[in-house]
């Protein structure tokens, strides 16, 4: 049954992978290390898969670690794993690269259209400073911004979604059943959100539903049932406008 977009007062968004092209940003941020170590034969998909594995490992072990420190640790562990030459400056530069990751070309226009109809909230796995820098690329003013730094844990932890429910009700008067979650990551977002009973729109940027690669996202074997799927944010926004 198609979604009735009149049933919602707020859209909660994942940011990285959904609004911000983090895979291009991650790959670009790895370039100084790869240039410094030209003997390593590795492609973008392999780098992104290693990133996903290391990010999941570190966030699971240290859920309170600030995201820049997680990125710094990912870079360092990646270098150690492949016996590459790195240094504190290169590791730290990677750790602070979030603000340089570009927005997807369709993000701004789609967000502008969606904001005419809904309150817009961010539920992101980064720190406040990192998201503030990314928000400069997105332009739109969000009605609520909830980062892992504020919450104290990382998605897919259910606590992040419970924080969203509590805060949107307190700040905007919007109950959980009136929130539609919009995200790219099945692992970080769609699966835990569906387990909590949320309606979800999957923005399948990677084309997973048609055989694409998982990229920088951890693989899950059992896919959750989504309420709607779109290849990008523009097509989702158009569906809302046309409804």
C-alpha atoms as a PDB file:
ATOM      1  CA  UNK A   1       0.000   0.000   0.000  1.00  0.00           C
ATOM      2  CA  UNK A   2       1.500   3.374  -1.035  1.00  0.00           C
ATOM      3  CA  UNK A   3       2.453   5.836   1.671  1.00  0.00           C
ATOM      4  CA  UNK A   4      -0.010   8.594   2.451  1.00  0.00           C
ATOM      5  CA  UNK A   5       2.290  11.575   2.860  1.00  0.00           C
ATOM      6  CA  UNK A   6      -0.431  13.491   4.693  1.00  0.00           C
ATOM      7  CA  UNK A   7       0.061  11.128   7.651  1.00  0.00           C
ATOM      8  CA  UNK A   8       3.311  12.854   8.694  1.00  0.00           C
ATOM      9  CA  UNK A   9       4.294  16.160  10.246  1.00  0.00           C
ATOM     10  CA  UNK A  10       8.061  15.642  10.281  1.00  0.00           C
ATOM     11  CA  UNK A  11      10.751  13.965   8.214  1.00  0.00           C
ATOM     12  CA  UNK A  12      13.812  12.675  10.054  1.00  0.00           C
ATOM     13  CA  UNK A  13      16.890  12.349   7.862  1.00  0.00           C
ATOM     14  CA  UNK A  14      20.102  10.474   8.028  1.00  0.00           C
ATOM     15  CA  UNK A  15      22.693  12.863   6.631  1.00  0.00           C
ATOM     16  CA  UNK A  16      25.791  11.025   5.411  1.00  0.00           C
ATOM     17  CA  UNK A  17      24.981   8.794   2.469  1.00  0.00           C
ATOM     18  CA  UNK A  18      21.520  10.347   2.170  1.00  0.00           C
ATOM     19  CA  UNK A  19      22.089  14.108   1.879  1.00  0.00           C
ATOM     20  CA  UNK A  20      25.892  14.256   1.854  1.00  0.00           C
ATOM     21  CA  UNK A  21      27.913  12.114  -0.575  1.00  0.00           C
ATOM     22  CA  UNK A  22      30.121  10.626   2.101  1.00  0.00           C
ATOM     23  CA  UNK A  23      31.551   7.899  -0.133  1.00  0.00           C
ATOM     24  CA  UNK A  24      33.064  10.449  -2.531  1.00  0.00           C
ATOM     25  CA  UNK A  25      34.240  12.440   0.485  1.00  0.00           C
ATOM     26  CA  UNK A  26      35.800   9.421   2.182  1.00  0.00           C
ATOM     27  CA  UNK A  27      37.573   8.328  -0.994  1.00  0.00           C
ATOM     28  CA  UNK A  28      38.947  11.844  -1.540  1.00  0.00           C
ATOM     29  CA  UNK A  29      40.083  12.078   2.096  1.00  0.00           C
ATOM     30  CA  UNK A  30      42.045   8.822   1.700  1.00  0.00           C
ATOM     31  CA  UNK A  31      43.996  10.145  -1.301  1.00  0.00           C
ATOM     32  CA  UNK A  32      46.958  11.658   0.613  1.00  0.00           C
ATOM     33  CA  UNK A  33      47.597   8.278   2.250  1.00  0.00           C
ATOM     34  CA  UNK A  34      47.272   6.401  -1.034  1.00  0.00           C
ATOM     35  CA  UNK A  35      49.521   8.876  -2.864  1.00  0.00           C
ATOM     36  CA  UNK A  36      52.110   8.557  -0.088  1.00  0.00           C
ATOM     37  CA  UNK A  37      51.997   4.757  -0.509  1.00  0.00           C
ATOM     38  CA  UNK A  38      51.700   4.159  -4.277  1.00  0.00           C
ATOM     39  CA  UNK A  39      52.647   0.489  -3.989  1.00  0.00           C
ATOM     40  CA  UNK A  40      49.221  -0.386  -2.542  1.00  0.00           C
ATOM     41  CA  UNK A  41      46.925  -1.756  -5.230  1.00  0.00           C
ATOM     42  CA  UNK A  42      43.403  -1.042  -3.990  1.00  0.00           C
ATOM     43  CA  UNK A  43      40.241   0.347  -5.560  1.00  0.00           C
ATOM     44  CA  UNK A  44      37.520   2.614  -4.219  1.00  0.00           C
ATOM     45  CA  UNK A  45      35.098  -0.186  -3.350  1.00  0.00           C
ATOM     46  CA  UNK A  46      37.773  -1.982  -1.322  1.00  0.00           C
ATOM     47  CA  UNK A  47      38.635   1.205   0.577  1.00  0.00           C
ATOM     48  CA  UNK A  48      34.975   1.910   1.341  1.00  0.00           C
ATOM     49  CA  UNK A  49      34.377  -1.674   2.494  1.00  0.00           C
ATOM     50  CA  UNK A  50      37.371  -1.426   4.836  1.00  0.00           C
ATOM     51  CA  UNK A  51      36.035   1.898   6.127  1.00  0.00           C
ATOM     52  CA  UNK A  52      32.638   0.330   6.880  1.00  0.00           C
ATOM     53  CA  UNK A  53      34.242  -2.552   8.769  1.00  0.00           C
ATOM     54  CA  UNK A  54      36.518  -0.320  10.842  1.00  0.00           C
ATOM     55  CA  UNK A  55      33.833   2.263  11.595  1.00  0.00           C
ATOM     56  CA  UNK A  56      31.427  -0.403  12.829  1.00  0.00           C
ATOM     57  CA  UNK A  57      34.159  -2.010  14.941  1.00  0.00           C
ATOM     58  CA  UNK A  58      35.216   1.248  16.628  1.00  0.00           C
ATOM     59  CA  UNK A  59      31.710   2.625  17.169  1.00  0.00           C
ATOM     60  CA  UNK A  60      30.601  -0.671  18.714  1.00  0.00           C
ATOM     61  CA  UNK A  61      33.611  -0.808  21.040  1.00  0.00           C
ATOM     62  CA  UNK A  62      33.643   2.892  21.958  1.00  0.00           C
ATOM     63  CA  UNK A  63      30.164   4.410  21.483  1.00  0.00           C
ATOM     64  CA  UNK A  64      31.154   7.564  23.346  1.00  0.00           C
ATOM     65  CA  UNK A  65      34.172   8.375  21.171  1.00  0.00           C
ATOM     66  CA  UNK A  66      33.759  11.659  19.214  1.00  0.00           C
ATOM     67  CA  UNK A  67      33.354  11.114  15.483  1.00  0.00           C
ATOM     68  CA  UNK A  68      36.548  12.991  14.479  1.00  0.00           C
ATOM     69  CA  UNK A  69      38.480  10.615  16.745  1.00  0.00           C
ATOM     70  CA  UNK A  70      36.719   7.646  15.160  1.00  0.00           C
ATOM     71  CA  UNK A  71      37.712   8.834  11.693  1.00  0.00           C
ATOM     72  CA  UNK A  72      41.265   9.452  12.870  1.00  0.00           C
ATOM     73  CA  UNK A  73      41.405   5.913  14.278  1.00  0.00           C
ATOM     74  CA  UNK A  74      39.944   4.442  11.068  1.00  0.00           C
ATOM     75  CA  UNK A  75      42.677   6.102   9.020  1.00  0.00           C
ATOM     76  CA  UNK A  76      45.405   4.905  11.371  1.00  0.00           C
ATOM     77  CA  UNK A  77      44.100   1.330  11.573  1.00  0.00           C
ATOM     78  CA  UNK A  78      43.663   1.175   7.794  1.00  0.00           C
ATOM     79  CA  UNK A  79      47.292   2.216   7.372  1.00  0.00           C
ATOM     80  CA  UNK A  80      48.496  -0.341   9.914  1.00  0.00           C
ATOM     81  CA  UNK A  81      46.430  -3.102   8.328  1.00  0.00           C
ATOM     82  CA  UNK A  82      48.029  -2.478   4.931  1.00  0.00           C
ATOM     83  CA  UNK A  83      51.497  -1.608   6.310  1.00  0.00           C
ATOM     84  CA  UNK A  84      51.309   1.944   4.965  1.00  0.00           C
ATOM     85  CA  UNK A  85      53.268   5.005   6.023  1.00  0.00           C
ATOM     86  CA  UNK A  86      51.102   7.540   7.852  1.00  0.00           C
ATOM     87  CA  UNK A  87      51.589  10.169  10.554  1.00  0.00           C
ATOM     88  CA  UNK A  88      49.648  12.104  13.175  1.00  0.00           C
ATOM     89  CA  UNK A  89      48.953  14.969  10.782  1.00  0.00           C
ATOM     90  CA  UNK A  90      47.512  12.722   8.065  1.00  0.00           C
ATOM     91  CA  UNK A  91      45.398  10.802  10.568  1.00  0.00           C
ATOM     92  CA  UNK A  92      44.071  14.032  12.087  1.00  0.00           C
ATOM     93  CA  UNK A  93      43.359  15.573   8.676  1.00  0.00           C
ATOM     94  CA  UNK A  94      41.227  12.562   7.779  1.00  0.00           C
ATOM     95  CA  UNK A  95      39.478  12.893  11.135  1.00  0.00           C
ATOM     96  CA  UNK A  96      38.391  16.448  10.388  1.00  0.00           C
ATOM     97  CA  UNK A  97      37.417  15.889   6.743  1.00  0.00           C
ATOM     98  CA  UNK A  98      33.634  15.633   7.245  1.00  0.00           C
ATOM     99  CA  UNK A  99      33.016  19.283   6.396  1.00  0.00           C
ATOM    100  CA  UNK A 100      34.704  18.780   3.019  1.00  0.00           C
ATOM    101  CA  UNK A 101      32.403  15.958   1.944  1.00  0.00           C
ATOM    102  CA  UNK A 102      30.065  17.248  -0.803  1.00  0.00           C
ATOM    103  CA  UNK A 103      26.281  17.314  -0.873  1.00  0.00           C
ATOM    104  CA  UNK A 104      24.516  15.161  -3.445  1.00  0.00           C
ATOM    105  CA  UNK A 105      23.410  17.324  -6.400  1.00  0.00           C
ATOM    106  CA  UNK A 106      19.703  16.808  -5.664  1.00  0.00           C
ATOM    107  CA  UNK A 107      19.802  17.416  -1.900  1.00  0.00           C
ATOM    108  CA  UNK A 108      19.271  21.179  -1.650  1.00  0.00           C
ATOM    109  CA  UNK A 109      16.349  21.520  -4.050  1.00  0.00           C
ATOM    110  CA  UNK A 110      14.618  18.462  -2.599  1.00  0.00           C
ATOM    111  CA  UNK A 111      15.024  19.722   0.971  1.00  0.00           C
ATOM    112  CA  UNK A 112      13.643  23.140   0.008  1.00  0.00           C
ATOM    113  CA  UNK A 113      10.538  21.488  -1.463  1.00  0.00           C
ATOM    114  CA  UNK A 114      10.069  19.149   1.502  1.00  0.00           C
ATOM    115  CA  UNK A 115      10.453  21.949   4.044  1.00  0.00           C
ATOM    116  CA  UNK A 116       7.360  23.643   2.607  1.00  0.00           C
ATOM    117  CA  UNK A 117       5.313  20.737   3.941  1.00  0.00           C
ATOM    118  CA  UNK A 118       7.163  19.202   6.905  1.00  0.00           C
ATOM    119  CA  UNK A 119       9.380  19.913   9.867  1.00  0.00           C
ATOM    120  CA  UNK A 120      12.839  18.596   8.995  1.00  0.00           C
ATOM    121  CA  UNK A 121      15.046  16.828  11.538  1.00  0.00           C
ATOM    122  CA  UNK A 122      18.577  15.437  11.295  1.00  0.00           C
ATOM    123  CA  UNK A 123      19.551  12.217  13.095  1.00  0.00           C
ATOM    124  CA  UNK A 124      23.240  11.858  12.359  1.00  0.00           C
ATOM    125  CA  UNK A 125      26.218   9.797  13.504  1.00  0.00           C
ATOM    126  CA  UNK A 126      28.661  12.714  13.594  1.00  0.00           C
ATOM    127  CA  UNK A 127      29.676  15.490  15.982  1.00  0.00           C
ATOM    128  CA  UNK A 128      28.152  18.967  16.196  1.00  0.00           C
ATOM    129  CA  UNK A 129      31.056  20.736  14.500  1.00  0.00           C
ATOM    130  CA  UNK A 130      31.160  18.235  11.641  1.00  0.00           C
ATOM    131  CA  UNK A 131      27.461  18.539  10.913  1.00  0.00           C
ATOM    132  CA  UNK A 132      27.570  22.337  11.140  1.00  0.00           C
ATOM    133  CA  UNK A 133      30.212  22.325   8.400  1.00  0.00           C
ATOM    134  CA  UNK A 134      28.138  19.936   6.268  1.00  0.00           C
ATOM    135  CA  UNK A 135      25.055  22.064   6.804  1.00  0.00           C
ATOM    136  CA  UNK A 136      26.844  24.897   5.000  1.00  0.00           C
ATOM    137  CA  UNK A 137      26.612  22.719   1.875  1.00  0.00           C
ATOM    138  CA  UNK A 138      22.930  21.912   2.424  1.00  0.00           C
ATOM    139  CA  UNK A 139      21.811  25.540   2.986  1.00  0.00           C
ATOM    140  CA  UNK A 140      18.386  24.552   4.375  1.00  0.00           C
ATOM    141  CA  UNK A 141      17.605  25.406   8.002  1.00  0.00           C
ATOM    142  CA  UNK A 142      16.629  22.232   9.853  1.00  0.00           C
ATOM    143  CA  UNK A 143      14.044  22.383  12.609  1.00  0.00           C
ATOM    144  CA  UNK A 144      15.941  19.903  14.785  1.00  0.00           C
ATOM    145  CA  UNK A 145      19.494  18.549  14.717  1.00  0.00           C
ATOM    146  CA  UNK A 146      20.385  15.486  16.788  1.00  0.00           C
ATOM    147  CA  UNK A 147      23.958  14.249  16.497  1.00  0.00           C
ATOM    148  CA  UNK A 148      25.711  11.281  18.041  1.00  0.00           C
ATOM    149  CA  UNK A 149      27.651  13.790  20.137  1.00  0.00           C
ATOM    150  CA  UNK A 150      24.418  15.072  21.686  1.00  0.00           C
ATOM    151  CA  UNK A 151      22.966  11.594  22.166  1.00  0.00           C
ATOM    152  CA  UNK A 152      26.056   9.753  23.382  1.00  0.00           C
ATOM    153  CA  UNK A 153      25.739   6.740  21.086  1.00  0.00           C
ATOM    154  CA  UNK A 154      25.781   5.827  17.412  1.00  0.00           C
ATOM    155  CA  UNK A 155      23.096   4.409  15.153  1.00  0.00           C
ATOM    156  CA  UNK A 156      21.981   1.627  14.826  1.00  0.00           C
ATOM    157  CA  UNK A 157      21.565   1.910  18.615  1.00  0.00           C
ATOM    158  CA  UNK A 158      17.850   2.213  19.392  1.00  0.00           C
ATOM    159  CA  UNK A 159      18.713   4.951  21.898  1.00  0.00           C
ATOM    160  CA  UNK A 160      19.342   7.354  19.031  1.00  0.00           C
ATOM    161  CA  UNK A 161      15.838   6.874  17.668  1.00  0.00           C
ATOM    162  CA  UNK A 162      14.286   7.055  21.124  1.00  0.00           C
ATOM    163  CA  UNK A 163      16.099  10.375  21.579  1.00  0.00           C
ATOM    164  CA  UNK A 164      14.539  11.569  18.311  1.00  0.00           C
ATOM    165  CA  UNK A 165      11.049  10.583  19.501  1.00  0.00           C
ATOM    166  CA  UNK A 166      11.450  12.247  22.885  1.00  0.00           C
ATOM    167  CA  UNK A 167      12.936  15.475  21.582  1.00  0.00           C
ATOM    168  CA  UNK A 168      10.576  16.003  18.643  1.00  0.00           C
ATOM    169  CA  UNK A 169       7.618  15.524  20.959  1.00  0.00           C
ATOM    170  CA  UNK A 170       9.050  17.944  23.532  1.00  0.00           C
ATOM    171  CA  UNK A 171      10.320  20.564  21.078  1.00  0.00           C
ATOM    172  CA  UNK A 172       7.836  20.371  18.200  1.00  0.00           C
ATOM    173  CA  UNK A 173       4.845  18.549  19.675  1.00  0.00           C
ATOM    174  CA  UNK A 174       5.209  15.811  17.055  1.00  0.00           C
ATOM    175  CA  UNK A 175       4.528  12.219  18.127  1.00  0.00           C
ATOM    176  CA  UNK A 176       6.567   9.285  16.829  1.00  0.00           C
ATOM    177  CA  UNK A 177       3.821   7.961  14.530  1.00  0.00           C
ATOM    178  CA  UNK A 178       3.814  11.323  12.708  1.00  0.00           C
ATOM    179  CA  UNK A 179       7.526  11.030  11.839  1.00  0.00           C
ATOM    180  CA  UNK A 180       8.700   9.526   8.536  1.00  0.00           C
ATOM    181  CA  UNK A 181      12.349   8.440   8.544  1.00  0.00           C
ATOM    182  CA  UNK A 182      14.291   9.001   5.317  1.00  0.00           C
ATOM    183  CA  UNK A 183      17.674   7.319   4.925  1.00  0.00           C
ATOM    184  CA  UNK A 184      20.109   5.450   2.707  1.00  0.00           C
ATOM    185  CA  UNK A 185      21.668   2.987   5.143  1.00  0.00           C
ATOM    186  CA  UNK A 186      19.775  -0.228   5.765  1.00  0.00           C
ATOM    187  CA  UNK A 187      22.226  -1.037   8.565  1.00  0.00           C
ATOM    188  CA  UNK A 188      22.415   2.273  10.429  1.00  0.00           C
ATOM    189  CA  UNK A 189      18.877   3.527   9.863  1.00  0.00           C
ATOM    190  CA  UNK A 190      16.195   1.511   8.114  1.00  0.00           C
ATOM    191  CA  UNK A 191      16.601  -1.731  10.053  1.00  0.00           C
ATOM    192  CA  UNK A 192      16.616  -0.192  13.569  1.00  0.00           C
ATOM    193  CA  UNK A 193      13.882   2.305  12.672  1.00  0.00           C
ATOM    194  CA  UNK A 194      11.597  -0.459  11.381  1.00  0.00           C
ATOM    195  CA  UNK A 195      12.260  -2.510  14.519  1.00  0.00           C
ATOM    196  CA  UNK A 196      10.897   0.453  16.486  1.00  0.00           C
ATOM    197  CA  UNK A 197       7.800   0.658  14.295  1.00  0.00           C
ATOM    198  CA  UNK A 198       8.724   3.716  12.230  1.00  0.00           C
ATOM    199  CA  UNK A 199       7.559   4.261   8.681  1.00  0.00           C
ATOM    200  CA  UNK A 200      10.636   4.543   6.462  1.00  0.00           C
ATOM    201  CA  UNK A 201      11.619   5.743   3.019  1.00  0.00           C
ATOM    202  CA  UNK A 202      14.762   4.117   1.673  1.00  0.00           C
ATOM    203  CA  UNK A 203      16.895   6.390  -0.520  1.00  0.00           C
ATOM    204  CA  UNK A 204      18.781   3.688  -2.412  1.00  0.00           C
ATOM    205  CA  UNK A 205      21.683   5.848  -3.591  1.00  0.00           C
ATOM    206  CA  UNK A 206      23.943   2.804  -4.070  1.00  0.00           C
ATOM    207  CA  UNK A 207      21.435   0.907  -6.202  1.00  0.00           C
ATOM    208  CA  UNK A 208      21.488  -2.061  -3.815  1.00  0.00           C
ATOM    209  CA  UNK A 209      18.013  -3.101  -4.894  1.00  0.00           C
ATOM    210  CA  UNK A 210      19.367  -3.581  -8.422  1.00  0.00           C
ATOM    211  CA  UNK A 211      22.677  -5.236  -7.505  1.00  0.00           C
ATOM    212  CA  UNK A 212      24.824  -2.282  -6.430  1.00  0.00           C
ATOM    213  CA  UNK A 213      27.697  -2.327  -3.931  1.00  0.00           C
ATOM    214  CA  UNK A 214      27.358  -1.683  -0.189  1.00  0.00           C
ATOM    215  CA  UNK A 215      30.160   0.872  -0.295  1.00  0.00           C
ATOM    216  CA  UNK A 216      30.876   2.482   3.090  1.00  0.00           C
ATOM    217  CA  UNK A 217      27.853   0.844   4.728  1.00  0.00           C
ATOM    218  CA  UNK A 218      27.965  -2.386   6.725  1.00  0.00           C
ATOM    219  CA  UNK A 219      26.317  -5.359   5.022  1.00  0.00           C
ATOM    220  CA  UNK A 220      23.159  -6.908   6.468  1.00  0.00           C
ATOM    221  CA  UNK A 221      21.888 -10.281   5.273  1.00  0.00           C
ATOM    222  CA  UNK A 222      18.194  -9.909   6.103  1.00  0.00           C
ATOM    223  CA  UNK A 223      16.791  -6.736   4.601  1.00  0.00           C
ATOM    224  CA  UNK A 224      13.993  -4.921   6.426  1.00  0.00           C
ATOM    225  CA  UNK A 225      10.699  -4.290   4.668  1.00  0.00           C
ATOM    226  CA  UNK A 226      10.637  -0.653   3.592  1.00  0.00           C
ATOM    227  CA  UNK A 227       7.534   1.452   3.046  1.00  0.00           C
ATOM    228  CA  UNK A 228       8.870   3.140  -0.090  1.00  0.00           C
ATOM    229  CA  UNK A 229      12.115   3.185  -2.051  1.00  0.00           C
ATOM    230  CA  UNK A 230      13.577   5.881  -4.297  1.00  0.00           C
ATOM    231  CA  UNK A 231      16.894   6.093  -6.141  1.00  0.00           C
ATOM    232  CA  UNK A 232      17.517   9.637  -4.932  1.00  0.00           C
ATOM    233  CA  UNK A 233      16.103  12.491  -2.911  1.00  0.00           C
ATOM    234  CA  UNK A 234      14.738  14.307  -5.961  1.00  0.00           C
ATOM    235  CA  UNK A 235      12.386  11.475  -6.896  1.00  0.00           C
ATOM    236  CA  UNK A 236      11.182  11.213  -3.298  1.00  0.00           C
ATOM    237  CA  UNK A 237      10.496  14.949  -3.093  1.00  0.00           C
ATOM    238  CA  UNK A 238       8.654  14.808  -6.409  1.00  0.00           C
ATOM    239  CA  UNK A 239       6.452  11.981  -5.150  1.00  0.00           C
ATOM    240  CA  UNK A 240       5.578  14.077  -2.094  1.00  0.00           C
ATOM    241  CA  UNK A 241       4.837  17.172  -4.190  1.00  0.00           C
ATOM    242  CA  UNK A 242       2.620  15.151  -6.534  1.00  0.00           C
ATOM    243  CA  UNK A 243       0.677  13.491  -3.726  1.00  0.00           C
END
